[in-house]
Protein backbone atom coordinates (compact mmCIF):
# COMPACT_ATOMS: atom_id res chain seq x y z
CA UNK A 1 -13.45 17.06 5.25
CA UNK A 2 -10.68 16.92 7.82
CA UNK A 3 -8.16 14.10 7.49
CA UNK A 4 -8.95 10.95 9.41
CA UNK A 5 -6.73 7.97 10.33
CA UNK A 6 -7.06 4.57 8.70
CA UNK A 7 -4.92 1.44 8.53
CA UNK A 8 -4.21 -1.42 6.12
CA UNK A 9 -5.23 -4.71 7.69
CA UNK A 10 -1.80 -6.19 6.94
CA UNK A 11 -0.38 -3.61 9.36
CA UNK A 12 -2.23 -5.18 12.32
CA UNK A 13 -0.82 -8.69 12.03
CA UNK A 14 0.15 -11.28 9.47
CA UNK A 15 -2.71 -12.89 7.57
CA UNK A 16 -3.13 -16.51 8.61
CA UNK A 17 -1.61 -15.83 12.03
CA UNK A 18 -4.09 -13.19 13.14
CA UNK A 19 -7.81 -13.35 12.38
CA UNK A 20 -9.06 -10.40 10.36
CA UNK A 21 -12.05 -10.11 12.71
CA UNK A 22 -9.75 -9.53 15.68
CA UNK A 23 -7.76 -6.99 13.70
CA UNK A 24 -10.88 -5.05 12.77
CA UNK A 25 -12.03 -4.92 16.39
CA UNK A 26 -8.65 -3.60 17.53
CA UNK A 27 -8.59 -0.95 14.81
CA UNK A 28 -12.01 0.30 15.84
CA UNK A 29 -11.09 0.22 19.53
CA UNK A 30 -8.13 2.53 18.85
CA UNK A 31 -10.16 5.00 16.83
CA UNK A 32 -8.89 4.06 13.38
CA UNK A 33 -12.05 4.70 11.40
CA UNK A 34 -11.07 3.26 8.03
CA UNK A 35 -9.34 0.14 6.75
CA UNK A 36 -7.65 -0.96 3.56
CA UNK A 37 -8.48 -4.64 3.18
CA UNK A 38 -5.48 -6.77 2.29
CA UNK A 39 -6.55 -9.60 0.00
CA UNK A 40 -4.55 -12.16 2.00
CA UNK A 41 -6.77 -11.42 5.03
CA UNK A 42 -9.85 -12.05 2.91
CA UNK A 43 -8.46 -15.37 1.68
CA UNK A 44 -7.45 -16.45 5.19
CA UNK A 45 -10.99 -15.84 6.46
CA UNK A 46 -12.45 -17.65 3.45
CA UNK A 47 -10.41 -20.72 4.38
CA UNK A 48 -11.59 -20.52 8.00
CA UNK A 49 -15.20 -20.35 6.87
CA UNK A 50 -14.84 -23.27 4.47
CA UNK A 51 -16.25 -26.69 5.39
CA UNK A 52 -13.74 -28.38 3.08
CA UNK A 53 -11.27 -30.41 5.16
CA UNK A 54 -8.48 -29.70 2.69
CA UNK A 55 -9.25 -26.01 2.22
CA UNK A 56 -6.02 -24.94 3.93
CA UNK A 57 -4.05 -26.46 1.04
CA UNK A 58 -6.16 -24.99 -1.78
CA UNK A 59 -7.18 -21.55 -2.99
CA UNK A 60 -10.56 -20.71 -1.47
CA UNK A 61 -13.58 -21.09 -3.71
CA UNK A 62 -15.36 -18.08 -5.17
CA UNK A 63 -18.31 -18.85 -2.90
CA UNK A 64 -16.12 -18.81 0.20
CA UNK A 65 -14.45 -15.57 -0.90
CA UNK A 66 -17.88 -14.00 -1.28
CA UNK A 67 -18.94 -15.29 2.14
CA UNK A 68 -15.78 -13.89 3.71
CA UNK A 69 -16.38 -10.50 2.05
CA UNK A 70 -19.93 -10.39 3.42
CA UNK A 71 -18.68 -11.30 6.90
CA UNK A 72 -16.07 -8.52 6.81
CA UNK A 73 -18.62 -6.01 5.48
CA UNK A 74 -21.09 -6.85 8.27
CA UNK A 75 -18.45 -6.57 10.98
CA UNK A 76 -17.13 -3.28 9.58
CA UNK A 77 -20.69 -1.92 9.52
CA UNK A 78 -21.16 -2.95 13.15
CA UNK A 79 -17.84 -1.34 14.12
CA UNK A 80 -18.48 1.79 12.02
CA UNK A 81 -15.36 1.13 9.95
CA UNK A 82 -15.14 2.42 6.38
CA UNK A 83 -13.56 0.01 3.88
CA UNK A 84 -11.41 2.28 1.74
CA UNK A 85 -10.14 -0.22 -0.81
CA UNK A 86 -9.18 -3.78 -1.61
CA UNK A 87 -5.47 -4.28 -2.22
CA UNK A 88 -2.97 -5.06 -3.63
CA UNK A 89 -3.72 -6.22 -7.19
CA UNK A 90 -0.22 -7.28 -8.25
CA UNK A 91 1.85 -8.46 -11.21
CA UNK A 92 -0.60 -7.27 -13.83
CA UNK A 93 0.54 -4.61 -16.28
CA UNK A 94 3.26 -4.99 -18.90
CA UNK A 95 3.51 -8.79 -18.86
CA UNK A 96 5.40 -10.55 -21.67
CA UNK A 97 3.01 -13.50 -21.32
CA UNK A 98 -0.14 -12.05 -22.85
CA UNK A 99 -2.10 -15.23 -22.07
CA UNK A 100 -1.51 -14.47 -18.39
CA UNK A 101 -2.70 -10.91 -18.96
CA UNK A 102 -5.90 -12.26 -20.51
CA UNK A 103 -6.39 -14.67 -17.60
CA UNK A 104 -6.08 -11.84 -15.10
CA UNK A 105 -8.49 -9.70 -17.08
CA UNK A 106 -11.09 -12.40 -17.68
CA UNK A 107 -10.88 -14.54 -14.54
CA UNK A 108 -9.22 -12.67 -11.67
CA UNK A 109 -10.30 -9.03 -12.09
CA UNK A 110 -14.03 -9.89 -12.26
CA UNK A 111 -13.77 -11.57 -8.85
CA UNK A 112 -12.05 -8.52 -7.37
CA UNK A 113 -14.69 -6.20 -8.82
CA UNK A 114 -17.40 -8.41 -7.37
CA UNK A 115 -15.72 -8.42 -3.95
CA UNK A 116 -15.31 -4.64 -3.88
CA UNK A 117 -19.03 -4.23 -4.47
CA UNK A 118 -19.89 -6.75 -1.75
CA UNK A 119 -17.60 -4.84 0.62
CA UNK A 120 -19.33 -1.58 -0.20
CA UNK A 121 -16.01 -0.08 -1.17
CA UNK A 122 -15.16 1.95 -4.25
CA UNK A 123 -11.50 1.32 -5.04
CA UNK A 124 -8.97 -1.35 -6.02
CA UNK A 125 -5.33 -0.49 -5.36
CA UNK A 126 -2.90 -1.72 -8.06
CA UNK A 127 0.80 -1.96 -7.24
CA UNK A 128 3.24 -1.25 -10.05
CA UNK A 129 4.65 -4.48 -11.42
CA UNK A 130 7.80 -5.80 -9.73
CA UNK A 131 7.59 -9.39 -11.00
CA UNK A 132 11.09 -10.83 -11.15
CA UNK A 133 12.64 -12.88 -13.96
CA UNK A 134 11.52 -16.42 -14.65
CA UNK A 135 13.28 -18.60 -12.02
CA UNK A 136 13.99 -21.34 -14.60
CA UNK A 137 14.95 -19.46 -17.76
CA UNK A 138 16.11 -16.22 -16.18
CA UNK A 139 14.17 -14.26 -18.81
CA UNK A 140 12.30 -11.09 -17.91
CA UNK A 141 8.56 -11.56 -17.39
CA UNK A 142 7.67 -7.92 -17.96
CA UNK A 143 8.35 -5.76 -21.01
CA UNK A 144 11.25 -3.36 -20.63
CA UNK A 145 10.70 0.17 -21.84
CA UNK A 146 7.19 -0.53 -23.16
CA UNK A 147 5.15 2.20 -21.51
CA UNK A 148 2.53 1.71 -24.21
CA UNK A 149 1.87 -1.86 -23.05
CA UNK A 150 1.59 -0.75 -19.41
CA UNK A 151 -0.84 2.01 -20.34
CA UNK A 152 -2.97 -0.25 -22.55
CA UNK A 153 -3.23 -2.90 -19.82
CA UNK A 154 -4.23 -0.39 -17.16
CA UNK A 155 -6.68 1.39 -19.47
CA UNK A 156 -8.35 -1.97 -20.10
CA UNK A 157 -8.61 -2.53 -16.34
CA UNK A 158 -10.11 0.92 -15.80
CA UNK A 159 -12.65 0.38 -18.57
CA UNK A 160 -13.78 -2.92 -17.08
CA UNK A 161 -14.03 -1.34 -13.62
CA UNK A 162 -16.08 1.52 -15.05
CA UNK A 163 -18.79 -0.94 -16.12
CA UNK A 164 -19.64 -1.70 -12.48
CA UNK A 165 -22.56 0.06 -10.87
CA UNK A 166 -21.39 2.29 -9.32
CA UNK A 167 -18.08 2.43 -11.21
CA UNK A 168 -15.04 1.11 -9.35
CA UNK A 169 -11.95 3.29 -9.17
CA UNK A 170 -8.39 2.05 -9.81
CA UNK A 171 -5.65 3.60 -7.65
CA UNK A 172 -2.18 3.02 -9.12
CA UNK A 173 0.79 2.99 -6.76
CA UNK A 174 4.47 3.26 -7.70
CA UNK A 175 6.43 0.64 -5.77
CA UNK A 176 10.00 1.79 -5.08
CA UNK A 177 11.49 -1.39 -6.59
CA UNK A 178 9.05 -1.60 -9.51
CA UNK A 179 10.44 -2.88 -12.80
CA UNK A 180 9.37 0.10 -14.91
CA UNK A 181 7.34 2.35 -12.62
CA UNK A 182 9.04 3.10 -9.30
CA UNK A 183 8.51 6.81 -8.61
CA UNK A 184 5.31 8.77 -8.10
CA UNK A 185 6.26 10.92 -11.12
CA UNK A 186 6.30 7.85 -13.37
CA UNK A 187 2.98 6.68 -11.95
CA UNK A 188 1.52 10.17 -12.51
CA UNK A 189 2.61 10.01 -16.16
CA UNK A 190 0.82 6.67 -16.47
CA UNK A 191 -2.34 8.11 -14.91
CA UNK A 192 -2.35 10.94 -17.45
CA UNK A 193 -1.76 8.58 -20.38
CA UNK A 194 -4.45 6.12 -19.26
CA UNK A 195 -6.78 9.13 -19.17
CA UNK A 196 -9.84 7.55 -17.60
CA UNK A 197 -12.13 9.24 -15.05
CA UNK A 198 -11.89 6.26 -12.67
CA UNK A 199 -8.09 5.85 -12.82
CA UNK A 200 -5.89 7.75 -10.37
CA UNK A 201 -2.96 7.62 -7.97
CA UNK A 202 -2.16 5.97 -4.67
CA UNK A 203 0.62 7.88 -2.91
CA UNK A 204 2.68 6.06 -0.29
CA UNK A 205 5.10 8.12 1.79
CA UNK A 206 7.45 5.16 2.30
CA UNK A 207 7.66 4.29 -1.40
CA UNK A 208 8.13 7.94 -2.33
CA UNK A 209 11.07 8.36 0.05
CA UNK A 210 12.48 4.88 -0.61
CA UNK A 211 12.70 5.60 -4.34
CA UNK A 212 14.57 8.92 -4.22
CA UNK A 213 15.96 9.43 -0.70
CA UNK A 214 16.78 6.07 0.88
CA UNK A 215 19.11 3.21 0.06
CA UNK A 216 19.29 0.45 2.68
CA UNK A 217 22.54 -0.89 1.18
CA UNK A 218 24.58 2.16 2.24
CA UNK A 219 26.03 2.99 5.65
CA UNK A 220 23.85 6.08 6.05
CA UNK A 221 20.72 4.49 4.61
CA UNK A 222 20.62 7.26 1.99
CA UNK A 223 21.26 7.34 -1.74
CA UNK A 224 24.90 7.71 -2.72
CA UNK A 225 25.66 7.41 1.00
CA UNK A 226 25.17 11.18 1.22
CA UNK A 227 22.67 13.21 3.23
CA UNK A 228 23.13 16.15 0.87
CA UNK A 229 22.29 14.08 -2.23
CA UNK A 230 19.31 12.46 -0.52
CA UNK A 231 17.91 15.77 0.70
CA UNK A 232 18.37 17.39 -2.70
CA UNK A 233 16.61 14.50 -4.43
CA UNK A 234 13.70 14.60 -1.97
CA UNK A 235 13.39 18.38 -2.25
CA UNK A 236 13.17 18.08 -6.03
CA UNK A 237 10.44 15.44 -5.96
CA UNK A 238 8.39 17.46 -3.46
CA UNK A 239 8.72 20.54 -5.66
CA UNK A 240 7.43 18.58 -8.66
CA UNK A 241 4.53 17.31 -6.59
CA UNK A 242 3.65 20.82 -5.45
CA UNK A 243 3.68 22.21 -8.98
CA UNK A 244 2.53 19.35 -11.22
CA UNK A 245 0.13 17.05 -9.34
CA UNK A 246 -3.64 17.28 -9.81
CA UNK A 247 -5.06 16.32 -6.41
CA UNK A 248 -8.39 15.40 -7.99
CA UNK A 249 -6.61 12.31 -9.33
CA UNK A 250 -5.25 11.22 -5.93
CA UNK A 251 -7.44 8.44 -4.54
CA UNK A 252 -5.33 7.00 -1.70
CA UNK A 253 -2.66 8.40 0.64
CA UNK A 254 -0.70 5.87 2.71
CA UNK A 255 1.63 6.58 5.61
CA UNK A 256 4.78 4.73 6.67
CA UNK A 257 8.32 5.57 7.70
CA UNK A 258 11.38 3.32 7.56
CA UNK A 259 13.92 2.03 10.06
CA UNK A 260 17.52 3.11 9.63
CA UNK A 261 19.44 -0.16 9.68
CA UNK A 262 22.48 -0.60 11.91
CA UNK A 263 24.33 -2.31 9.05
CA UNK A 264 23.91 -2.03 5.27
CA UNK A 265 21.45 -4.53 3.80
CA UNK A 266 23.88 -6.77 1.97
CA UNK A 267 24.74 -10.45 1.95
CA UNK A 268 24.84 -11.70 5.54
CA UNK A 269 22.29 -9.20 6.82
CA UNK A 270 19.26 -10.85 8.50
CA UNK A 271 16.91 -9.20 5.97
CA UNK A 272 18.99 -10.10 2.91
CA UNK A 273 17.34 -12.37 0.32
CA UNK A 274 19.42 -13.36 -2.70
CA UNK A 275 17.88 -12.08 -5.92
CA UNK A 276 15.40 -9.81 -4.11
CA UNK A 277 15.69 -6.02 -4.51
CA UNK A 278 17.17 -4.60 -1.27
CA UNK A 279 14.43 -2.00 -0.97
CA UNK A 280 11.86 -4.80 -1.11
CA UNK A 281 13.62 -6.78 1.63
CA UNK A 282 13.88 -3.63 3.74
CA UNK A 283 10.25 -2.73 3.17
CA UNK A 284 8.94 -6.14 4.19
CA UNK A 285 10.87 -6.12 7.44
CA UNK A 286 11.43 -2.58 8.61
CA UNK A 287 8.65 -0.12 7.92
CA UNK A 288 7.56 1.99 10.87
CA UNK A 289 4.61 4.12 11.85
CA UNK A 290 5.30 7.84 11.56
CA UNK A 291 6.92 9.66 14.49
CA UNK A 292 8.57 6.62 16.10
CA UNK A 293 12.11 7.96 16.65
CA UNK A 294 12.75 5.39 19.38
CA UNK A 295 12.51 2.70 16.68
CA UNK A 296 14.90 4.42 14.28
CA UNK A 297 12.63 6.22 11.81
CA UNK A 298 14.52 8.63 9.56
CA UNK A 299 12.70 9.23 6.29
CA UNK A 300 11.38 12.75 5.49
CA UNK A 301 7.82 11.47 5.29
CA UNK A 302 6.27 14.12 7.55
CA UNK A 303 7.37 16.62 4.87
CA UNK A 304 5.24 14.67 2.37
CA UNK A 305 2.23 14.77 4.69
CA UNK A 306 2.68 18.48 5.30
CA UNK A 307 2.82 19.19 1.57
CA UNK A 308 -0.24 17.10 0.75
CA UNK A 309 -2.37 18.41 3.60
CA UNK A 310 -1.29 22.01 4.07
CA UNK A 311 -0.28 23.09 0.58
CA UNK A 312 -2.24 20.80 -1.74
CA UNK A 313 -5.36 20.52 0.40
CA UNK A 314 -5.79 16.77 0.84
CA UNK A 315 -8.87 16.12 2.97
CA UNK A 316 -9.23 12.37 2.61
CA UNK A 317 -8.11 9.47 4.76
CA UNK A 318 -4.48 9.06 5.80
CA UNK A 319 -3.92 5.33 5.99
CA UNK A 320 -1.06 3.54 7.72
CA UNK A 321 0.50 0.80 5.60
CA UNK A 322 3.30 -0.69 7.64
CA UNK A 323 4.98 -3.96 6.75
CA UNK A 324 7.27 -5.29 9.46
CA UNK A 325 8.87 -8.38 10.94
CA UNK A 326 6.90 -7.55 14.10
CA UNK A 327 3.65 -8.51 12.34
CA UNK A 328 4.75 -12.15 12.28
CA UNK A 329 4.70 -12.34 16.09
CA UNK A 330 2.11 -15.08 16.80
CA UNK A 331 1.08 -13.46 20.09
CA UNK A 332 -2.67 -12.75 20.21
CA UNK A 333 -1.72 -9.25 21.40
CA UNK A 334 -0.05 -8.36 18.09
CA UNK A 335 -3.13 -6.67 16.51
CA UNK A 336 -3.76 -4.62 19.66
CA UNK A 337 -0.10 -3.61 19.88
CA UNK A 338 0.02 -2.37 16.30
CA UNK A 339 -3.33 -0.60 16.50
CA UNK A 340 -2.08 1.23 19.60
CA UNK A 341 1.15 2.18 17.81
CA UNK A 342 -0.91 3.62 14.95
CA UNK A 343 -3.02 5.63 17.39
CA UNK A 344 0.08 7.02 19.13
CA UNK A 345 1.63 7.82 15.77
CA UNK A 346 -1.47 9.78 14.76
CA UNK A 347 -1.38 11.87 17.92
CA UNK A 348 2.34 12.48 17.51
CA UNK A 349 1.85 13.45 13.85
CA UNK A 350 -0.82 15.98 14.84
CA UNK A 351 1.53 17.43 17.44
CA UNK A 352 4.40 17.76 14.96
CA UNK A 353 2.22 19.39 12.29
CA UNK A 354 0.61 21.81 14.74
CA UNK A 355 3.94 22.70 16.37
CA UNK A 356 5.29 23.70 12.98
CA UNK A 357 2.32 25.89 12.15
CA UNK A 358 -0.11 23.49 10.51
CA UNK A 359 -3.70 23.27 11.64
CA UNK A 360 -5.41 21.14 9.03
CA UNK A 361 -5.07 17.70 10.60
CA UNK A 362 -7.61 17.86 13.39
CA UNK A 363 -9.25 14.48 13.65
CA UNK A 364 -7.95 13.46 17.08
CA UNK A 365 -8.62 10.03 18.52
């Protein structure tokens, strides 16, 4: 299978500001054949479909969530869009509060598994835990250094997902500011320790580069404020990927670049949020589609794509997951604008790969 372009629905406009149905139509119109469904979009549609006057102030009911999932499935079928996964399942593994873990396992996960099956999808994407300390007590809410707890929690999730018919897969993604798991290598270790046939990796080019190459708090935007250090670190992680990764356990590949900031992300910067990891603040405001030099992209993410596709033989979807301040623009044109940017990025990515000798990305829009 040749690689094909997809997009996360969050990357077409902010949930609540832009109707998921409009976003799906724009994705299809621009030739993006697959979508990753962001749960916030599902909830926003569930509220719109609710007849409860006060639904905007309350979590949507299970019935309304189911109705929204059916609506999205029907529209995606009409538009010939493939629903790749439901995401992101957050703040789950390694919690100190085991009662909360049990609640997520017994009350929240079953709803997600039900939704995935309604959607006709096969995968739930789980983001590595980056839950901050308790805002009142200041105590950590996740275990530090307890890989065994993380593995046990994720193994339990995989086992529950395996009971579905057909079994649901769990794709685990290392978030660059994760509390314990923040590199793809750490996530890969977790995948091997969980050791379940339906538990694998989600690889995100932005999070990979943000963890080992980039630092938005420095003048250069690179770790240790040094291009040489950043390049050496990135080269090492790509070498490990080339020699150690089992591609059969890769379920999701996501694409995003990052904007080089004019000023370091410190106190006083427009993106700065006290107590929030700088990489998180940067990610939420300044991701870019690949091959957008006019917008300041600078991460070596095309190198990641080249390795995965040319050397390791990835033939699945390549899905854009771009968070940005531009998604909060209330203009009704926002979904169309971002879908068009994704389509241009795809064509530019093909051109870059083919110019440098690659010929494996051929699904042109």
